[in-house]
Amino acid sequence: MQTALTEAEEKRYAELQLMALGFARHGETESLAQMLGHGLPVNLADAKGNSLLMLASYTGNLETTRMLLERGAEVDRRNDRGQTPLGGVAFKGYEDIATLLLEHGADIDADNGGGMTPIMFAAMFGRTQVVEQLRRHGASLKRRNRLGLSAKFIVRTSQLFARRFGWRKVRPAAT
């Protein structure tokens, strides 16, 4: 038996969803955990397909990311642009969150659009520590993006720029 929701109930549910997305984005782990405990779907996503996990990981919220994974969030759930949480984390340079995603089975060579893999994003944006981490975990350097550039070429070019311009250790992006 299905129960129809009133317009007021639907409006309140939409408000609660927005609150949950904000909690994920801002690392309000306990508040989000309570909502999930009361039945909110762990793979809830915004209008652009960004899941709670994508929002938490992309904004550098390690504990919120951990909690979502422990509650069964899909580690490789893509947004509407085909991006995975690991691809976003590689772009941002969050090594600790990349480790957590990999421990939960994230696809290290996932195409995040245009043939771009997480290691390519990390290399393009000077996230040298994440590049090395992904290499240690077996990221392929043979994959090619839609322009035909291999991950190996992108990584080597990034290393060349790092040596030439002193980009030794690029810090993670600010959230």
Protein backbone atom coordinates (compact mmCIF):
# COMPACT_ATOMS: atom_id res chain seq x y z
CA MET A 1 0.00 0.00 0.00
CA GLN A 2 1.43 3.33 -1.05
CA THR A 3 0.69 6.50 0.81
CA ALA A 4 0.43 9.73 -1.14
CA LEU A 5 2.42 12.62 0.23
CA THR A 6 0.86 15.99 0.71
CA GLU A 7 2.36 19.01 -0.97
CA ALA A 8 3.68 20.19 2.41
CA GLU A 9 5.32 16.81 3.04
CA GLU A 10 6.97 16.84 -0.38
CA LYS A 11 8.25 20.37 0.25
CA ARG A 12 9.68 19.36 3.64
CA TYR A 13 11.37 16.28 2.15
CA ALA A 14 12.99 18.50 -0.52
CA GLU A 15 14.24 20.81 2.26
CA LEU A 16 15.68 17.85 4.17
CA GLN A 17 17.47 16.65 1.03
CA LEU A 18 19.06 20.08 0.57
CA MET A 19 20.13 20.06 4.21
CA ALA A 20 21.74 16.64 3.78
CA LEU A 21 23.63 17.77 0.68
CA GLY A 22 24.87 20.79 2.63
CA PHE A 23 25.94 18.59 5.55
CA ALA A 24 27.98 16.44 3.15
CA ARG A 25 29.55 19.48 1.51
CA HIS A 26 30.46 21.09 4.85
CA GLY A 27 31.59 17.99 6.72
CA GLU A 28 28.77 17.90 9.25
CA THR A 29 29.20 14.17 9.75
CA GLU A 30 27.03 13.62 12.82
CA SER A 31 24.05 15.55 11.46
CA LEU A 32 24.24 13.68 8.17
CA ALA A 33 24.62 10.32 9.94
CA GLN A 34 21.45 11.02 11.92
CA MET A 35 19.53 11.75 8.72
CA LEU A 36 20.82 8.54 7.14
CA GLY A 37 19.87 6.66 10.28
CA HIS A 38 16.30 7.85 9.82
CA GLY A 39 16.09 6.52 6.28
CA LEU A 40 17.60 9.13 3.97
CA PRO A 41 19.22 7.29 1.01
CA VAL A 42 23.01 7.10 1.28
CA ASN A 43 23.34 7.68 -2.48
CA LEU A 44 21.19 10.81 -2.52
CA ALA A 45 22.37 13.21 -5.24
CA ASP A 46 21.81 16.84 -6.16
CA ALA A 47 20.34 18.11 -9.43
CA LYS A 48 23.74 17.66 -11.14
CA GLY A 49 24.08 14.06 -10.00
CA ASN A 50 26.65 14.82 -7.30
CA SER A 51 26.13 12.21 -4.59
CA LEU A 52 26.66 12.80 -0.90
CA LEU A 53 29.97 10.93 -1.28
CA MET A 54 31.04 13.09 -4.22
CA LEU A 55 30.27 16.28 -2.29
CA ALA A 56 31.98 15.13 0.92
CA SER A 57 35.10 13.83 -0.79
CA TYR A 58 35.46 16.71 -3.27
CA THR A 59 35.33 19.26 -0.46
CA GLY A 60 37.96 17.42 1.59
CA ASN A 61 35.77 16.04 4.37
CA LEU A 62 37.57 12.85 5.35
CA GLU A 63 35.35 11.77 8.26
CA THR A 64 32.14 12.40 6.34
CA THR A 65 33.56 10.45 3.39
CA ARG A 66 34.49 7.58 5.72
CA MET A 67 31.03 7.51 7.31
CA LEU A 68 29.29 7.45 3.92
CA LEU A 69 31.48 4.59 2.68
CA GLU A 70 30.88 2.63 5.87
CA ARG A 71 27.14 3.04 5.30
CA GLY A 72 27.39 1.64 1.79
CA ALA A 73 27.72 4.66 -0.51
CA GLU A 74 28.61 3.65 -4.08
CA VAL A 75 32.32 4.45 -4.34
CA ASP A 76 32.28 4.93 -8.13
CA ARG A 77 28.90 6.62 -8.51
CA ARG A 78 29.25 9.18 -11.29
CA ASN A 79 27.73 12.63 -11.52
CA ASP A 80 26.01 13.93 -14.65
CA ARG A 81 29.40 14.82 -16.15
CA GLY A 82 30.68 11.25 -15.75
CA GLN A 83 33.06 12.12 -12.92
CA THR A 84 33.79 9.81 -10.00
CA PRO A 85 34.70 10.76 -6.44
CA LEU A 86 38.28 9.53 -7.01
CA GLY A 87 38.59 11.71 -10.11
CA GLY A 88 37.48 14.76 -8.11
CA VAL A 89 39.80 13.95 -5.22
CA ALA A 90 42.74 13.49 -7.60
CA PHE A 91 41.99 16.90 -9.14
CA LYS A 92 41.82 18.52 -5.70
CA GLY A 93 44.87 16.69 -4.30
CA TYR A 94 43.36 15.02 -1.23
CA GLU A 95 45.74 12.11 -0.70
CA ASP A 96 44.07 10.83 2.50
CA ILE A 97 40.65 10.69 0.87
CA ALA A 98 42.11 9.04 -2.24
CA THR A 99 43.52 6.34 0.05
CA LEU A 100 40.12 5.81 1.65
CA LEU A 101 38.33 5.59 -1.72
CA LEU A 102 40.92 3.11 -3.02
CA GLU A 103 40.54 1.00 0.13
CA HIS A 104 36.83 0.81 -0.66
CA GLY A 105 37.41 -0.37 -4.22
CA ALA A 106 37.36 2.82 -6.28
CA ASP A 107 38.20 2.23 -9.95
CA ILE A 108 41.70 3.68 -10.21
CA ASP A 109 41.48 3.95 -14.01
CA ALA A 110 37.87 5.14 -14.36
CA ASP A 111 37.17 7.36 -17.36
CA ASN A 112 36.01 10.65 -15.82
CA GLY A 113 35.02 12.14 -19.15
CA GLY A 114 37.00 12.55 -22.33
CA GLY A 115 39.13 9.55 -21.44
CA MET A 116 40.63 11.38 -18.46
CA THR A 117 41.59 9.12 -15.55
CA PRO A 118 42.27 10.17 -11.96
CA ILE A 119 46.05 10.07 -12.47
CA MET A 120 45.71 12.38 -15.47
CA PHE A 121 43.76 14.90 -13.40
CA ALA A 122 46.28 14.72 -10.57
CA ALA A 123 49.18 15.25 -13.00
CA MET A 124 47.51 18.10 -14.91
CA PHE A 125 46.93 20.04 -11.72
CA GLY A 126 50.34 19.39 -10.16
CA ARG A 127 49.11 17.05 -7.41
CA THR A 128 52.42 15.20 -7.37
CA GLN A 129 51.77 13.27 -4.16
CA VAL A 130 48.48 11.94 -5.49
CA VAL A 131 50.16 11.01 -8.79
CA GLU A 132 52.73 8.96 -6.90
CA GLN A 133 50.05 7.41 -4.71
CA LEU A 134 47.99 6.36 -7.74
CA ARG A 135 51.08 4.95 -9.43
CA ARG A 136 51.89 2.88 -6.32
CA HIS A 137 48.34 1.52 -6.41
CA GLY A 138 48.71 0.46 -10.04
CA ALA A 139 47.15 3.26 -12.09
CA SER A 140 47.69 2.63 -15.78
CA LEU A 141 50.03 4.95 -17.62
CA LYS A 142 48.90 3.46 -20.95
CA ARG A 143 45.38 4.88 -20.95
CA ARG A 144 44.76 7.67 -23.47
CA ASN A 145 42.36 10.59 -23.33
CA ARG A 146 40.17 11.64 -26.25
CA LEU A 147 43.03 13.74 -27.64
CA GLY A 148 45.24 10.65 -27.76
CA LEU A 149 47.51 11.79 -24.94
CA SER A 150 48.64 8.95 -22.71
CA ALA A 151 48.66 9.12 -18.94
CA LYS A 152 52.41 8.53 -19.15
CA PHE A 153 52.83 11.62 -21.35
CA ILE A 154 50.68 13.78 -19.05
CA VAL A 155 52.55 12.60 -15.95
CA ARG A 156 55.97 13.18 -17.55
CA THR A 157 54.97 16.62 -18.83
CA SER A 158 53.74 17.51 -15.35
CA GLN A 159 57.05 16.33 -13.86
CA LEU A 160 58.96 18.43 -16.40
CA PHE A 161 56.97 21.53 -15.47
CA ALA A 162 57.44 20.76 -11.78
CA ARG A 163 61.22 20.65 -12.19
CA ARG A 164 61.35 23.66 -14.51
CA PHE A 165 59.05 25.90 -12.48
CA GLY A 166 59.62 24.58 -8.98
CA TRP A 167 56.25 22.89 -8.48
CA ARG A 168 57.79 20.39 -6.09
CA LYS A 169 54.80 19.83 -3.86
CA VAL A 170 51.52 21.39 -4.78
CA ARG A 171 49.19 21.57 -1.82
CA PRO A 172 45.62 20.33 -2.04
CA ALA A 173 43.16 22.85 -3.35
CA ALA A 174 41.33 24.99 -0.85
CA THR A 175 37.68 24.08 -0.33
